[in-house]
Amino acid sequence: MLSVEIKSENDVYQAVTLVSHLIKNRSFSESDKQCIFISVLELTRNILDHTEEKGIFRCEMVQNEFRFTCIDKGPGIENLNDILRGFHKSSHGLGVGLSGAKRLMDDLRIETSKEGTRIIGIKKERYK
């Protein structure tokens, strides 16, 4: 499992670089790779935009699945259902990072409370 602490903008790009190396020789289409990169970029950036604390990003290949986890100790996500349906206006950006990642990944699981948030994303390899 690869991981990076997310505490600055450089760490966001380091997370994307880790992902790039991990999936480089795997059977992901270019489209699926872009879906993964965008999701990782958006969700690690959310750690910086929406929490006062640093977070952690982890990724790994588990059999034929790429999995990532973003963990923070922020205030939690209010109105999660509205956000996932695209009814959220963000003061930090377009407000579509979380809902976009949900659409781009094969599975996106979100656990959130006042103690923080854990997001697990999964993208399955599609064999050629």
Protein backbone atom coordinates (compact mmCIF):
# COMPACT_ATOMS: atom_id res chain seq x y z
CA MET A 1 0.00 0.00 0.00
CA LEU A 2 1.30 3.44 -0.96
CA SER A 3 0.43 6.52 1.07
CA VAL A 4 1.07 10.23 1.33
CA GLU A 5 0.13 12.74 4.00
CA ILE A 6 -1.97 15.53 2.51
CA LYS A 7 -0.98 18.85 4.03
CA SER A 8 -0.11 21.01 1.00
CA GLU A 9 -0.85 21.40 -2.70
CA ASN A 10 2.35 19.51 -3.53
CA ASP A 11 1.03 16.48 -1.64
CA VAL A 12 -2.06 16.42 -3.87
CA TYR A 13 0.16 16.05 -6.93
CA GLN A 14 2.34 13.51 -5.14
CA ALA A 15 -0.80 11.40 -4.58
CA VAL A 16 -1.62 11.54 -8.30
CA THR A 17 1.98 10.57 -9.12
CA LEU A 18 1.78 7.55 -6.78
CA VAL A 19 -1.40 6.46 -8.52
CA SER A 20 0.18 6.90 -11.93
CA HIS A 21 3.07 4.60 -11.03
CA LEU A 22 0.78 2.03 -9.42
CA ILE A 23 -1.60 1.65 -12.38
CA LYS A 24 0.93 2.26 -15.17
CA ASN A 25 1.25 -1.36 -16.35
CA ARG A 26 -2.24 -2.49 -15.45
CA SER A 27 -5.19 -3.14 -17.76
CA PHE A 28 -6.98 0.18 -17.33
CA SER A 29 -8.17 2.04 -20.41
CA GLU A 30 -6.93 5.61 -20.82
CA SER A 31 -10.45 6.75 -19.98
CA ASP A 32 -10.49 4.74 -16.73
CA LYS A 33 -7.05 6.11 -15.81
CA GLN A 34 -8.33 9.65 -16.27
CA CYS A 35 -11.37 8.86 -14.11
CA ILE A 36 -9.03 7.66 -11.35
CA PHE A 37 -6.70 10.68 -11.65
CA ILE A 38 -9.55 13.19 -11.57
CA SER A 39 -11.18 11.49 -8.57
CA VAL A 40 -7.93 11.38 -6.61
CA LEU A 41 -7.14 14.99 -7.49
CA GLU A 42 -10.59 16.23 -6.46
CA LEU A 43 -10.81 14.28 -3.20
CA THR A 44 -7.29 15.00 -1.97
CA ARG A 45 -7.86 18.67 -2.84
CA ASN A 46 -11.04 18.57 -0.74
CA ILE A 47 -8.90 17.66 2.28
CA LEU A 48 -7.04 20.95 1.88
CA ASP A 49 -10.16 23.00 1.10
CA HIS A 50 -12.54 21.68 3.73
CA THR A 51 -10.48 20.68 6.77
CA GLU A 52 -8.19 22.50 9.16
CA GLU A 53 -6.24 19.30 9.76
CA LYS A 54 -4.05 17.34 7.42
CA GLY A 55 -5.28 14.10 5.90
CA ILE A 56 -3.93 10.90 4.46
CA PHE A 57 -4.23 9.31 1.04
CA ARG A 58 -3.61 5.59 0.52
CA CYS A 59 -3.81 3.47 -2.61
CA GLU A 60 -3.25 -0.12 -3.62
CA MET A 61 -4.09 -2.77 -6.18
CA VAL A 62 -6.18 -5.58 -4.75
CA GLN A 63 -6.40 -8.33 -7.35
CA ASN A 64 -8.00 -6.57 -10.33
CA GLU A 65 -9.15 -3.46 -8.47
CA PHE A 66 -7.48 -0.14 -7.83
CA ARG A 67 -8.50 1.14 -4.39
CA PHE A 68 -7.84 4.44 -2.72
CA THR A 69 -8.73 5.84 0.67
CA CYS A 70 -8.84 9.50 1.70
CA ILE A 71 -9.04 10.12 5.45
CA ASP A 72 -9.32 13.43 7.28
CA LYS A 73 -10.18 14.66 10.74
CA GLY A 74 -12.29 17.54 9.48
CA PRO A 75 -15.78 18.57 10.62
CA GLY A 76 -17.55 15.98 8.46
CA ILE A 77 -19.68 16.52 5.38
CA GLU A 78 -23.00 18.23 6.00
CA ASN A 79 -25.82 17.63 3.53
CA LEU A 80 -24.03 14.67 1.96
CA ASN A 81 -27.10 13.54 0.01
CA ASP A 82 -27.56 17.00 -1.52
CA ILE A 83 -23.88 17.12 -2.45
CA LEU A 84 -24.03 13.71 -4.14
CA ARG A 85 -27.13 14.76 -6.10
CA GLY A 86 -25.34 17.91 -7.29
CA PHE A 87 -27.42 20.39 -5.30
CA HIS A 88 -24.47 21.97 -3.49
CA LYS A 89 -22.88 25.36 -4.10
CA SER A 90 -19.27 25.43 -2.96
CA SER A 91 -17.35 28.49 -1.82
CA HIS A 92 -14.10 26.73 -2.86
CA GLY A 93 -14.83 25.57 -6.41
CA LEU A 94 -17.52 24.18 -8.64
CA GLY A 95 -18.97 21.96 -5.91
CA VAL A 96 -18.92 18.82 -8.05
CA GLY A 97 -15.77 17.08 -6.75
CA LEU A 98 -17.47 14.51 -4.55
CA SER A 99 -20.46 13.88 -6.83
CA GLY A 100 -18.12 13.74 -9.83
CA ALA A 101 -15.85 11.20 -8.16
CA LYS A 102 -18.90 9.08 -7.33
CA ARG A 103 -19.83 9.01 -11.03
CA LEU A 104 -16.27 8.40 -12.23
CA MET A 105 -15.39 5.49 -9.95
CA ASP A 106 -17.03 2.06 -10.00
CA ASP A 107 -17.71 2.34 -6.27
CA LEU A 108 -17.33 5.23 -3.83
CA ARG A 109 -18.06 4.70 -0.14
CA ILE A 110 -18.30 7.66 2.19
CA GLU A 111 -18.25 7.53 5.99
CA THR A 112 -18.54 10.94 7.62
CA SER A 113 -19.10 12.30 11.11
CA LYS A 114 -18.02 15.28 13.21
CA GLU A 115 -14.76 13.40 13.86
CA GLY A 116 -13.81 13.26 10.17
CA THR A 117 -14.42 11.58 6.85
CA ARG A 118 -13.21 8.40 5.17
CA ILE A 119 -13.78 7.93 1.44
CA ILE A 120 -12.95 4.67 -0.32
CA GLY A 121 -12.91 4.60 -4.13
CA ILE A 122 -12.68 1.52 -6.32
CA LYS A 123 -12.08 1.13 -10.06
CA LYS A 124 -11.99 -2.34 -11.60
CA GLU A 125 -9.61 -3.29 -14.37
CA ARG A 126 -11.35 -4.05 -17.61
CA TYR A 127 -9.32 -6.63 -19.49
CA LYS A 128 -8.59 -6.00 -23.15
